[in-house]
């Protein structure tokens, strides 16, 4: 947020300068939120590596192909989040470290999605239309998607 000192000095500006400052501040704030959200997504990688191999999860999960269009990043991440909630449910009856990692992943992805602004998913494939794949392939694809989104965001 804007500090009181900055706010007091801005209030002394002429009206047209105040409006320009406000617009600049709003644009800068939204850009920073997007940068923070992308950095947040990278935080799931260590946990994904920890849970990559598991004999506890014997599920088939909807798994996005890696050749989806870039404008569908949010849709694909949302699909992985929904399927990770299935993994979270199944993991509650097993190893607590595994369950904690899965829970942390779900929490981070939800937070990432709440900050994401690019949400036009009308032309994106629906989650239920992806092939169901075994857990190890699902996690490997999820890791690849997170790395892809991070790469694409760094290029912007």
Protein backbone atom coordinates (compact mmCIF):
# COMPACT_ATOMS: atom_id res chain seq x y z
CA UNK A 1 0.00 0.00 0.00
CA UNK A 2 0.94 3.66 -0.32
CA UNK A 3 2.63 5.10 2.75
CA UNK A 4 1.01 8.01 4.57
CA UNK A 5 3.87 10.34 3.60
CA UNK A 6 3.48 9.55 -0.10
CA UNK A 7 -0.29 9.86 0.16
CA UNK A 8 -0.08 13.30 1.81
CA UNK A 9 2.32 14.60 -0.83
CA UNK A 10 0.16 13.24 -3.67
CA UNK A 11 -2.89 14.96 -2.22
CA UNK A 12 -1.07 18.28 -2.64
CA UNK A 13 -0.59 17.71 -6.40
CA UNK A 14 -2.86 19.42 -8.92
CA UNK A 15 -5.97 17.38 -9.80
CA UNK A 16 -4.75 16.20 -13.23
CA UNK A 17 -1.46 14.94 -11.72
CA UNK A 18 -3.37 13.07 -8.99
CA UNK A 19 -5.35 11.21 -11.63
CA UNK A 20 -2.20 10.29 -13.56
CA UNK A 21 -0.55 9.08 -10.37
CA UNK A 22 -3.56 6.95 -9.52
CA UNK A 23 -3.63 5.34 -12.98
CA UNK A 24 0.12 4.70 -12.82
CA UNK A 25 -0.19 3.22 -9.34
CA UNK A 26 -3.04 0.90 -10.37
CA UNK A 27 -1.16 -0.33 -13.44
CA UNK A 28 2.02 -0.90 -11.45
CA UNK A 29 0.10 -2.73 -8.72
CA UNK A 30 -1.55 -5.10 -11.19
CA UNK A 31 1.80 -5.84 -12.85
CA UNK A 32 3.41 -6.59 -9.50
CA UNK A 33 0.56 -8.92 -8.54
CA UNK A 34 1.05 -10.84 -11.79
CA UNK A 35 4.82 -11.11 -11.23
CA UNK A 36 4.24 -12.32 -7.66
CA UNK A 37 1.66 -14.88 -8.84
CA UNK A 38 4.08 -16.31 -11.42
CA UNK A 39 6.86 -16.54 -8.82
CA UNK A 40 4.36 -18.22 -6.54
CA UNK A 41 3.69 -20.93 -9.12
CA UNK A 42 7.40 -21.83 -9.20
CA UNK A 43 7.16 -22.67 -5.48
CA UNK A 44 5.26 -25.88 -6.28
CA UNK A 45 8.22 -27.46 -8.11
CA UNK A 46 10.13 -28.69 -5.01
CA UNK A 47 6.96 -30.28 -3.64
CA UNK A 48 6.14 -31.83 -7.01
CA UNK A 49 9.63 -33.36 -7.04
CA UNK A 50 9.05 -34.77 -3.54
CA UNK A 51 5.79 -36.45 -4.51
CA UNK A 52 6.77 -37.45 -8.04
CA UNK A 53 7.18 -41.08 -7.07
CA UNK A 54 4.44 -42.56 -4.94
CA UNK A 55 3.19 -46.07 -4.55
CA UNK A 56 0.23 -44.73 -2.53
CA UNK A 57 -1.60 -43.12 -5.44
CA UNK A 58 -3.03 -45.57 -7.93
CA UNK A 59 -5.33 -43.16 -9.71
CA UNK A 60 -5.88 -42.22 -13.32
CA UNK A 61 -6.06 -38.43 -13.57
CA UNK A 62 -7.08 -36.07 -16.37
CA UNK A 63 -3.74 -34.92 -17.73
CA UNK A 64 -3.32 -31.99 -20.10
CA UNK A 65 -1.23 -32.55 -23.19
CA UNK A 66 1.87 -30.41 -23.36
CA UNK A 67 1.02 -29.00 -26.79
CA UNK A 68 -1.86 -26.76 -25.65
CA UNK A 69 -1.95 -23.08 -26.79
CA UNK A 70 -0.34 -20.51 -24.46
CA UNK A 71 -3.56 -18.61 -23.88
CA UNK A 72 -4.86 -21.73 -22.11
CA UNK A 73 -2.24 -21.69 -19.33
CA UNK A 74 -4.81 -20.73 -16.69
CA UNK A 75 -7.25 -23.39 -17.86
CA UNK A 76 -4.57 -26.09 -17.79
CA UNK A 77 -3.31 -25.05 -14.35
CA UNK A 78 -6.91 -25.10 -13.08
CA UNK A 79 -7.32 -28.63 -14.41
CA UNK A 80 -4.17 -29.78 -12.64
CA UNK A 81 -5.40 -28.10 -9.46
CA UNK A 82 -8.69 -29.99 -9.58
CA UNK A 83 -6.92 -33.30 -10.12
CA UNK A 84 -4.44 -32.51 -7.32
CA UNK A 85 -7.44 -32.21 -5.02
CA UNK A 86 -8.25 -35.83 -5.89
CA UNK A 87 -4.66 -36.74 -5.00
CA UNK A 88 -5.01 -34.76 -1.76
CA UNK A 89 -8.12 -36.71 -0.81
CA UNK A 90 -6.41 -40.05 -1.51
CA UNK A 91 -3.25 -39.00 0.34
CA UNK A 92 -5.06 -38.21 3.59
CA UNK A 93 -4.99 -41.89 4.47
CA UNK A 94 -1.25 -42.39 4.00
CA UNK A 95 2.10 -40.76 4.64
CA UNK A 96 1.67 -37.36 6.35
CA UNK A 97 4.74 -35.82 4.62
CA UNK A 98 3.29 -36.74 1.24
CA UNK A 99 -0.10 -35.34 2.23
CA UNK A 100 1.48 -32.10 3.50
CA UNK A 101 3.32 -31.59 0.21
CA UNK A 102 0.16 -32.19 -1.80
CA UNK A 103 -1.79 -29.82 0.43
CA UNK A 104 0.87 -27.12 -0.01
CA UNK A 105 0.72 -27.54 -3.81
CA UNK A 106 -3.07 -27.18 -3.87
CA UNK A 107 -2.91 -24.11 -1.65
CA UNK A 108 -0.24 -22.41 -3.80
CA UNK A 109 -2.07 -23.16 -7.05
CA UNK A 110 -5.32 -21.75 -5.67
CA UNK A 111 -3.49 -18.60 -4.64
CA UNK A 112 -1.85 -18.36 -8.08
CA UNK A 113 -5.21 -18.75 -9.81
CA UNK A 114 -6.80 -16.07 -7.62
CA UNK A 115 -4.18 -13.55 -8.87
CA UNK A 116 -4.21 -14.60 -12.51
CA UNK A 117 -5.81 -12.05 -14.82
CA UNK A 118 -5.75 -13.88 -18.17
CA UNK A 119 -8.86 -16.00 -17.79
CA UNK A 120 -10.39 -16.15 -21.28
CA UNK A 121 -10.71 -19.91 -21.57
CA UNK A 122 -13.57 -20.19 -24.06
CA UNK A 123 -11.39 -21.78 -26.73
CA UNK A 124 -9.46 -24.00 -24.32
CA UNK A 125 -9.98 -27.71 -23.96
CA UNK A 126 -12.09 -28.75 -20.97
CA UNK A 127 -10.40 -30.75 -18.24
CA UNK A 128 -12.66 -33.79 -18.69
CA UNK A 129 -11.64 -34.09 -22.34
CA UNK A 130 -7.97 -34.78 -21.58
CA UNK A 131 -6.78 -38.36 -21.46
CA UNK A 132 -6.64 -40.03 -18.09
CA UNK A 133 -3.09 -41.00 -17.25
CA UNK A 134 -1.39 -42.74 -14.36
CA UNK A 135 -0.16 -40.64 -11.47
CA UNK A 136 3.59 -40.53 -12.41
CA UNK A 137 2.83 -39.22 -15.91
CA UNK A 138 0.34 -36.72 -14.48
CA UNK A 139 2.98 -35.29 -12.10
CA UNK A 140 5.63 -35.18 -14.85
CA UNK A 141 3.25 -33.26 -17.13
CA UNK A 142 2.29 -30.93 -14.29
CA UNK A 143 5.96 -30.12 -13.66
CA UNK A 144 6.47 -29.43 -17.37
CA UNK A 145 3.46 -27.10 -17.45
CA UNK A 146 4.70 -25.13 -14.42
CA UNK A 147 8.14 -24.78 -16.03
CA UNK A 148 6.55 -23.72 -19.33
CA UNK A 149 4.38 -21.06 -17.68
CA UNK A 150 7.42 -19.71 -15.80
CA UNK A 151 9.47 -19.59 -19.03
CA UNK A 152 6.71 -17.81 -20.92
CA UNK A 153 6.23 -15.26 -18.15
CA UNK A 154 9.95 -14.46 -18.02
CA UNK A 155 9.91 -13.71 -21.77
CA UNK A 156 7.14 -11.13 -21.39
